[in-house]
């Protein structure tokens, strides 16, 4: 009898392992838009600017330029050029307090010998769990330091050096699907609202409204990616996060509304797709109605940022006290909470698919 019980238990575990959604690699996002330093913050004494489509660091005693967002497991690519006789570094998973060698960060160090011609180098980094590996122009390169499971990416520039960095792209790894593409298992519909939820062609479709469908699980810090389509003109919806379980339209909202004023896409209507609703409008409305687009949300502590089709449209740091009503429009929502999709009004007709998430560890 004992042998049969053990065999049944092992069989059950095997079924779970075979049917559980496999982790996936995410879509690429641009950490540098080629024109501005949006999404970056300078630390130390280096002058940073954008010239000829590259981030340029020079004229200072030393410092680094860090992403405002933090990342855990990822693949990163970039082009780097260092002035002859200088040295620089690509900083990985670093904290913002102190030097990366003291806060658990890692770095790929690059130098250019004196008397040689400075050339662009193609850099590729993979951070996966406790492993960080890198190549430079296809050859293996050493990454020094490390220890943090999650942190910021940065560009380090030393005294009298000049560093140029371009085409900085990242895609998250080890995303766990939170929607199976077949049914609404793992999601809960709030009762007594008008929205209609169904699965059509591998996507959650929402019609009518108002309403809300939320994850059964809760999350605090994460990177989330999903594909969205608005099946009508200028429809209104949102992706909420850190929502209190079973509470209607609370937490933070990443807006979905592909509409802009006559002045152009840089003038969004009602915060625009990717804006943090009630807090920060999108700096540009990237997507169009009737076309699928990918939304990437990074949320860690009081910082949140959103990319649409790889272009960063918002970068918000929460500095207000905790909101008594758990609304990101009124103050800090410390989380964790649900991720939920909004049915806004009777015109609602949107679909959401390829919903996957990578949780970040607690700070």
Protein backbone atom coordinates (compact mmCIF):
# COMPACT_ATOMS: atom_id res chain seq x y z
CA UNK A 1 0.00 0.00 0.00
CA UNK A 2 2.79 2.42 0.86
CA UNK A 3 4.50 1.79 -2.49
CA UNK A 4 1.28 2.53 -4.37
CA UNK A 5 0.74 5.79 -2.43
CA UNK A 6 4.23 6.99 -3.21
CA UNK A 7 3.78 6.12 -6.87
CA UNK A 8 0.50 8.05 -7.07
CA UNK A 9 2.05 11.08 -5.41
CA UNK A 10 4.98 11.07 -7.82
CA UNK A 11 2.59 10.74 -10.75
CA UNK A 12 0.59 13.74 -9.52
CA UNK A 13 3.73 15.86 -9.18
CA UNK A 14 4.76 14.86 -12.68
CA UNK A 15 1.40 15.96 -14.08
CA UNK A 16 1.76 19.38 -12.42
CA UNK A 17 5.27 19.76 -13.81
CA UNK A 18 4.12 18.88 -17.32
CA UNK A 19 1.07 21.12 -17.34
CA UNK A 20 2.43 24.17 -15.50
CA UNK A 21 3.15 27.07 -17.89
CA UNK A 22 6.83 27.25 -18.76
CA UNK A 23 8.84 30.40 -18.12
CA UNK A 24 9.35 32.51 -21.22
CA UNK A 25 11.68 35.24 -22.46
CA UNK A 26 9.99 38.60 -22.83
CA UNK A 27 9.91 41.23 -25.53
CA UNK A 28 12.76 43.71 -26.01
CA UNK A 29 12.54 47.23 -24.61
CA UNK A 30 14.79 50.22 -25.30
CA UNK A 31 16.56 51.54 -22.22
CA UNK A 32 17.78 54.48 -24.32
CA UNK A 33 15.49 56.19 -26.82
CA UNK A 34 18.37 57.61 -28.88
CA UNK A 35 17.36 61.22 -28.18
CA UNK A 36 17.04 61.92 -24.45
CA UNK A 37 18.15 60.65 -21.04
CA UNK A 38 14.56 59.82 -20.08
CA UNK A 39 14.65 56.85 -17.69
CA UNK A 40 18.22 57.54 -16.50
CA UNK A 41 19.67 59.35 -13.49
CA UNK A 42 23.23 60.74 -13.06
CA UNK A 43 25.26 59.92 -9.96
CA UNK A 44 28.64 61.44 -9.20
CA UNK A 45 30.59 64.05 -11.13
CA UNK A 46 30.35 63.35 -14.86
CA UNK A 47 28.67 65.41 -17.56
CA UNK A 48 26.16 63.28 -19.48
CA UNK A 49 24.55 64.26 -22.74
CA UNK A 50 23.11 62.77 -25.91
CA UNK A 51 25.04 63.32 -29.14
CA UNK A 52 24.71 61.60 -32.52
CA UNK A 53 22.30 59.02 -31.15
CA UNK A 54 24.54 57.97 -28.24
CA UNK A 55 24.82 58.61 -24.51
CA UNK A 56 28.12 60.41 -23.94
CA UNK A 57 29.87 60.71 -20.59
CA UNK A 58 32.91 62.97 -20.13
CA UNK A 59 34.30 65.98 -18.23
CA UNK A 60 34.36 65.01 -14.60
CA UNK A 61 36.20 63.26 -11.82
CA UNK A 62 34.08 60.12 -12.09
CA UNK A 63 30.54 58.88 -11.80
CA UNK A 64 27.87 56.78 -13.43
CA UNK A 65 24.53 57.05 -15.15
CA UNK A 66 21.93 54.62 -13.80
CA UNK A 67 18.55 53.46 -15.04
CA UNK A 68 15.70 54.62 -12.83
CA UNK A 69 14.23 51.12 -13.15
CA UNK A 70 15.67 47.96 -11.62
CA UNK A 71 15.87 44.58 -13.34
CA UNK A 72 16.33 41.00 -12.17
CA UNK A 73 16.85 38.35 -14.87
CA UNK A 74 17.48 39.75 -18.33
CA UNK A 75 19.42 39.79 -21.56
CA UNK A 76 21.05 43.11 -22.41
CA UNK A 77 22.72 44.34 -25.59
CA UNK A 78 24.53 47.61 -26.23
CA UNK A 79 27.20 49.29 -28.32
CA UNK A 80 30.04 50.85 -26.32
CA UNK A 81 33.02 52.99 -27.34
CA UNK A 82 35.77 54.16 -24.95
CA UNK A 83 38.29 56.87 -25.78
CA UNK A 84 41.87 55.67 -26.18
CA UNK A 85 43.67 55.62 -22.86
CA UNK A 86 40.40 55.54 -20.92
CA UNK A 87 38.32 52.98 -19.09
CA UNK A 88 34.64 52.58 -18.32
CA UNK A 89 32.21 50.00 -17.11
CA UNK A 90 28.75 48.62 -17.75
CA UNK A 91 27.23 48.31 -14.27
CA UNK A 92 24.72 45.52 -13.59
CA UNK A 93 22.18 44.88 -10.82
CA UNK A 94 23.61 47.67 -8.68
CA UNK A 95 22.05 49.58 -5.83
CA UNK A 96 21.96 53.35 -5.93
CA UNK A 97 23.59 53.80 -2.55
CA UNK A 98 27.35 54.00 -2.82
CA UNK A 99 29.74 52.34 -5.25
CA UNK A 100 28.71 49.17 -7.09
CA UNK A 101 31.66 47.30 -5.56
CA UNK A 102 30.11 47.86 -2.13
CA UNK A 103 26.39 47.47 -2.77
CA UNK A 104 26.29 44.06 -4.43
CA UNK A 105 26.45 45.25 -8.01
CA UNK A 106 28.49 43.73 -10.82
CA UNK A 107 30.29 45.29 -13.78
CA UNK A 108 31.73 44.52 -17.17
CA UNK A 109 34.90 46.64 -17.33
CA UNK A 110 36.06 48.05 -20.66
CA UNK A 111 39.25 49.92 -21.55
CA UNK A 112 40.99 51.25 -24.63
CA UNK A 113 44.83 51.26 -24.66
CA UNK A 114 46.63 54.49 -25.44
CA UNK A 115 47.69 54.93 -29.04
CA UNK A 116 44.90 52.72 -30.39
CA UNK A 117 41.86 53.65 -32.41
CA UNK A 118 38.62 53.80 -30.45
CA UNK A 119 36.02 51.50 -31.98
CA UNK A 120 32.46 50.57 -31.20
CA UNK A 121 32.19 47.25 -29.39
CA UNK A 122 29.10 45.06 -29.33
CA UNK A 123 28.31 43.99 -25.77
CA UNK A 124 25.89 41.26 -24.73
CA UNK A 125 25.05 40.39 -21.10
CA UNK A 126 22.86 37.64 -19.66
CA UNK A 127 21.84 37.85 -16.01
CA UNK A 128 20.05 34.68 -14.99
CA UNK A 129 19.65 33.84 -11.33
CA UNK A 130 23.05 33.92 -9.67
CA UNK A 131 24.91 33.89 -13.00
CA UNK A 132 25.97 36.93 -15.02
CA UNK A 133 27.85 36.26 -18.27
CA UNK A 134 28.98 38.62 -21.00
CA UNK A 135 30.56 38.78 -24.42
CA UNK A 136 32.33 41.65 -26.19
CA UNK A 137 32.34 41.40 -29.98
CA UNK A 138 31.36 37.75 -29.57
CA UNK A 139 34.22 36.81 -27.22
CA UNK A 140 33.64 35.84 -23.59
CA UNK A 141 34.37 38.65 -21.15
CA UNK A 142 34.74 38.71 -17.38
CA UNK A 143 32.07 40.19 -15.15
CA UNK A 144 33.36 41.19 -11.73
CA UNK A 145 31.49 41.65 -8.47
CA UNK A 146 27.88 40.67 -8.06
CA UNK A 147 25.58 39.31 -5.40
CA UNK A 148 22.41 41.32 -5.90
CA UNK A 149 19.49 39.36 -7.40
CA UNK A 150 18.03 42.61 -8.74
CA UNK A 151 19.25 46.15 -9.33
CA UNK A 152 19.93 49.03 -11.67
CA UNK A 153 21.91 49.08 -14.90
CA UNK A 154 24.42 51.83 -15.39
CA UNK A 155 27.27 53.33 -17.37
CA UNK A 156 30.42 54.14 -15.42
CA UNK A 157 32.92 56.74 -16.57
CA UNK A 158 36.31 57.21 -14.90
CA UNK A 159 38.53 60.28 -14.55
CA UNK A 160 39.62 61.76 -17.90
CA UNK A 161 37.73 59.04 -19.77
CA UNK A 162 35.09 59.41 -22.42
CA UNK A 163 32.49 56.73 -22.97
CA UNK A 164 29.75 56.48 -25.59
CA UNK A 165 26.87 54.01 -25.41
CA UNK A 166 24.15 53.38 -27.98
CA UNK A 167 21.40 50.89 -28.84
CA UNK A 168 20.85 49.82 -25.22
CA UNK A 169 18.16 47.13 -25.26
CA UNK A 170 16.88 44.69 -22.66
CA UNK A 171 14.47 41.82 -22.54
CA UNK A 172 13.37 40.20 -19.28
CA UNK A 173 13.95 36.47 -18.85
CA UNK A 174 12.07 33.85 -16.83
CA UNK A 175 8.66 35.46 -17.11
CA UNK A 176 5.91 33.25 -15.71
CA UNK A 177 2.62 33.28 -17.67
CA UNK A 178 -0.28 34.34 -15.43
CA UNK A 179 -2.93 33.71 -18.11
CA UNK A 180 -3.05 30.29 -19.78
CA UNK A 181 -4.64 31.47 -23.03
CA UNK A 182 -7.47 28.93 -22.74
CA UNK A 183 -9.74 29.87 -19.82
CA UNK A 184 -9.98 32.24 -16.86
CA UNK A 185 -8.41 29.92 -14.29
CA UNK A 186 -6.34 32.00 -11.88
CA UNK A 187 -8.49 35.09 -12.43
CA UNK A 188 -11.52 36.38 -10.52
CA UNK A 189 -14.35 38.52 -11.86
CA UNK A 190 -15.78 41.10 -9.48
CA UNK A 191 -19.55 40.50 -9.24
CA UNK A 192 -22.35 43.02 -9.72
CA UNK A 193 -20.74 44.89 -12.61
CA UNK A 194 -21.64 45.06 -16.30
CA UNK A 195 -18.46 43.97 -18.08
CA UNK A 196 -18.49 40.66 -19.95
CA UNK A 197 -15.30 38.55 -19.87
CA UNK A 198 -14.44 35.67 -22.19
CA UNK A 199 -11.47 33.99 -23.83
CA UNK A 200 -11.36 34.47 -27.60
CA UNK A 201 -8.44 33.34 -29.78
CA UNK A 202 -6.11 33.01 -26.82
CA UNK A 203 -6.93 36.42 -25.34
CA UNK A 204 -9.06 37.77 -22.51
CA UNK A 205 -11.75 39.83 -24.20
CA UNK A 206 -13.64 42.49 -22.24
CA UNK A 207 -16.87 43.96 -23.52
CA UNK A 208 -19.23 46.44 -21.93
CA UNK A 209 -18.61 47.97 -18.54
CA UNK A 210 -17.82 48.99 -16.01
CA UNK A 211 -16.12 45.92 -14.56
CA UNK A 212 -12.94 44.26 -13.38
CA UNK A 213 -11.15 40.93 -13.66
CA UNK A 214 -8.20 40.37 -11.30
CA UNK A 215 -5.52 37.82 -10.60
CA UNK A 216 -6.14 35.37 -7.78
CA UNK A 217 -2.51 35.90 -6.71
CA UNK A 218 -1.04 39.16 -5.44
CA UNK A 219 2.23 40.84 -6.46
CA UNK A 220 4.27 43.78 -5.20
CA UNK A 221 7.49 44.26 -7.21
CA UNK A 222 7.75 42.87 -10.73
CA UNK A 223 8.14 43.33 -14.44
CA UNK A 224 4.91 42.59 -16.32
CA UNK A 225 4.44 42.22 -20.08
CA UNK A 226 1.23 41.76 -22.03
CA UNK A 227 -0.20 42.37 -25.49
CA UNK A 228 -3.29 44.58 -25.86
CA UNK A 229 -5.61 45.59 -28.67
CA UNK A 230 -8.35 48.22 -28.65
CA UNK A 231 -11.11 46.98 -30.96
CA UNK A 232 -12.71 50.41 -31.29
CA UNK A 233 -11.87 54.08 -31.57
CA UNK A 234 -10.18 55.70 -28.54
CA UNK A 235 -11.56 53.13 -26.10
CA UNK A 236 -10.78 53.55 -22.42
CA UNK A 237 -9.32 50.80 -20.22
CA UNK A 238 -6.41 50.17 -17.90
CA UNK A 239 -4.04 47.66 -16.37
CA UNK A 240 -4.18 48.07 -12.59
CA UNK A 241 -1.56 46.76 -10.17
CA UNK A 242 -1.20 46.56 -6.39
CA UNK A 243 -4.98 46.48 -6.18
CA UNK A 244 -6.59 45.39 -2.88
CA UNK A 245 -8.19 41.97 -3.35
CA UNK A 246 -11.80 42.27 -4.45
CA UNK A 247 -11.86 46.08 -4.38
CA UNK A 248 -13.07 47.94 -7.43
CA UNK A 249 -10.63 50.13 -9.40
CA UNK A 250 -8.02 50.69 -6.67
CA UNK A 251 -4.23 50.55 -6.75
CA UNK A 252 -2.15 52.08 -9.55
CA UNK A 253 -3.45 52.21 -13.11
CA UNK A 254 -1.43 52.10 -16.30
CA UNK A 255 -3.83 53.75 -18.72
CA UNK A 256 -5.01 52.32 -22.06
CA UNK A 257 -6.31 55.05 -24.38
CA UNK A 258 -4.84 55.57 -27.83
CA UNK A 259 -5.90 59.17 -28.29
CA UNK A 260 -4.06 62.47 -28.57
CA UNK A 261 -4.82 66.13 -29.22
CA UNK A 262 -4.43 67.86 -32.58
CA UNK A 263 -0.98 69.04 -31.50
CA UNK A 264 0.26 65.47 -31.92
CA UNK A 265 1.06 62.22 -30.13
CA UNK A 266 3.05 64.07 -27.49
CA UNK A 267 -0.22 65.54 -26.20
CA UNK A 268 -2.19 62.55 -24.88
CA UNK A 269 -5.87 62.61 -24.00
CA UNK A 270 -6.70 61.44 -20.49
CA UNK A 271 -3.07 60.50 -19.63
CA UNK A 272 -2.68 58.35 -22.77
CA UNK A 273 -1.69 54.71 -23.13
CA UNK A 274 1.11 53.91 -20.70
CA UNK A 275 0.55 56.94 -18.51
CA UNK A 276 0.19 56.39 -14.75
CA UNK A 277 -3.42 57.48 -14.46
CA UNK A 278 -3.94 60.43 -12.15
CA UNK A 279 -0.20 60.85 -11.60
CA UNK A 280 1.83 61.16 -14.81
CA UNK A 281 0.72 61.32 -18.46
CA UNK A 282 2.49 59.34 -21.14
CA UNK A 283 5.10 61.48 -22.86
CA UNK A 284 3.94 60.08 -26.19
CA UNK A 285 1.00 57.98 -27.39
CA UNK A 286 2.73 55.18 -29.26
CA UNK A 287 0.03 52.64 -30.30
CA UNK A 288 -2.93 52.79 -32.65
CA UNK A 289 -6.42 51.41 -32.25
CA UNK A 290 -7.14 48.08 -34.01
CA UNK A 291 -3.46 47.07 -33.73
CA UNK A 292 -1.84 44.83 -31.11
CA UNK A 293 0.81 46.49 -28.95
CA UNK A 294 3.03 45.29 -26.10
CA UNK A 295 2.94 46.97 -22.71
CA UNK A 296 5.80 46.50 -20.23
CA UNK A 297 5.35 47.64 -16.62
CA UNK A 298 8.20 47.70 -14.11
CA UNK A 299 7.18 48.30 -10.49
CA UNK A 300 9.60 48.25 -7.56
CA UNK A 301 9.03 50.06 -4.30
CA UNK A 302 7.75 53.54 -5.08
CA UNK A 303 9.07 53.55 -8.63
CA UNK A 304 7.13 52.48 -11.70
CA UNK A 305 7.80 52.80 -15.42
CA UNK A 306 5.97 51.76 -18.59
CA UNK A 307 7.14 50.93 -22.10
CA UNK A 308 4.85 50.65 -25.13
CA UNK A 309 6.25 48.58 -28.00
CA UNK A 310 9.67 49.01 -26.42
CA UNK A 311 9.50 52.81 -26.05
CA UNK A 312 9.46 54.18 -22.50
CA UNK A 313 6.48 56.49 -22.04
CA UNK A 314 6.36 57.00 -18.26
CA UNK A 315 8.80 57.08 -15.35
CA UNK A 316 7.13 57.82 -12.03
CA UNK A 317 8.56 57.96 -8.52
CA UNK A 318 6.03 57.94 -5.69
CA UNK A 319 7.01 60.31 -2.86
CA UNK A 320 3.63 60.79 -1.18
CA UNK A 321 2.60 59.08 2.08
CA UNK A 322 0.52 55.91 2.07
CA UNK A 323 -2.98 56.46 0.70
CA UNK A 324 -5.72 55.58 3.19
CA UNK A 325 -8.01 54.44 0.39
CA UNK A 326 -5.36 52.31 -1.40
CA UNK A 327 -5.53 54.47 -4.51
CA UNK A 328 -2.41 55.35 -6.46
CA UNK A 329 -4.15 58.55 -7.52
CA UNK A 330 -4.11 59.80 -3.94
CA UNK A 331 -0.87 58.47 -2.44
CA UNK A 332 1.51 55.56 -2.07
CA UNK A 333 0.13 52.04 -2.36
CA UNK A 334 2.78 49.82 -0.75
CA UNK A 335 1.31 46.54 -2.01
CA UNK A 336 1.21 43.71 -2.64
CA UNK A 337 -2.02 43.51 -4.59
CA UNK A 338 -3.78 42.06 -7.59
CA UNK A 339 -3.21 42.84 -11.23
CA UNK A 340 -6.54 43.61 -12.82
CA UNK A 341 -7.92 44.54 -16.21
CA UNK A 342 -10.58 47.19 -16.53
CA UNK A 343 -13.85 47.27 -18.35
CA UNK A 344 -14.60 50.98 -18.44
CA UNK A 345 -17.99 51.69 -19.99
CA UNK A 346 -20.59 50.34 -22.47
CA UNK A 347 -18.24 50.97 -25.44
CA UNK A 348 -15.48 48.72 -24.01
CA UNK A 349 -14.12 46.09 -26.41
CA UNK A 350 -10.49 45.23 -25.73
CA UNK A 351 -8.40 42.05 -25.68
CA UNK A 352 -5.35 41.07 -23.60
CA UNK A 353 -3.00 38.14 -24.23
CA UNK A 354 0.51 36.82 -23.56
CA UNK A 355 0.27 38.06 -19.97
CA UNK A 356 3.47 37.12 -18.14
CA UNK A 357 5.29 38.37 -15.07
CA UNK A 358 8.66 38.13 -13.33
CA UNK A 359 8.49 38.79 -9.60
CA UNK A 360 11.26 40.74 -7.92
CA UNK A 361 12.61 39.77 -4.51
CA UNK A 362 11.88 41.93 -1.51
CA UNK A 363 14.42 44.69 -1.04
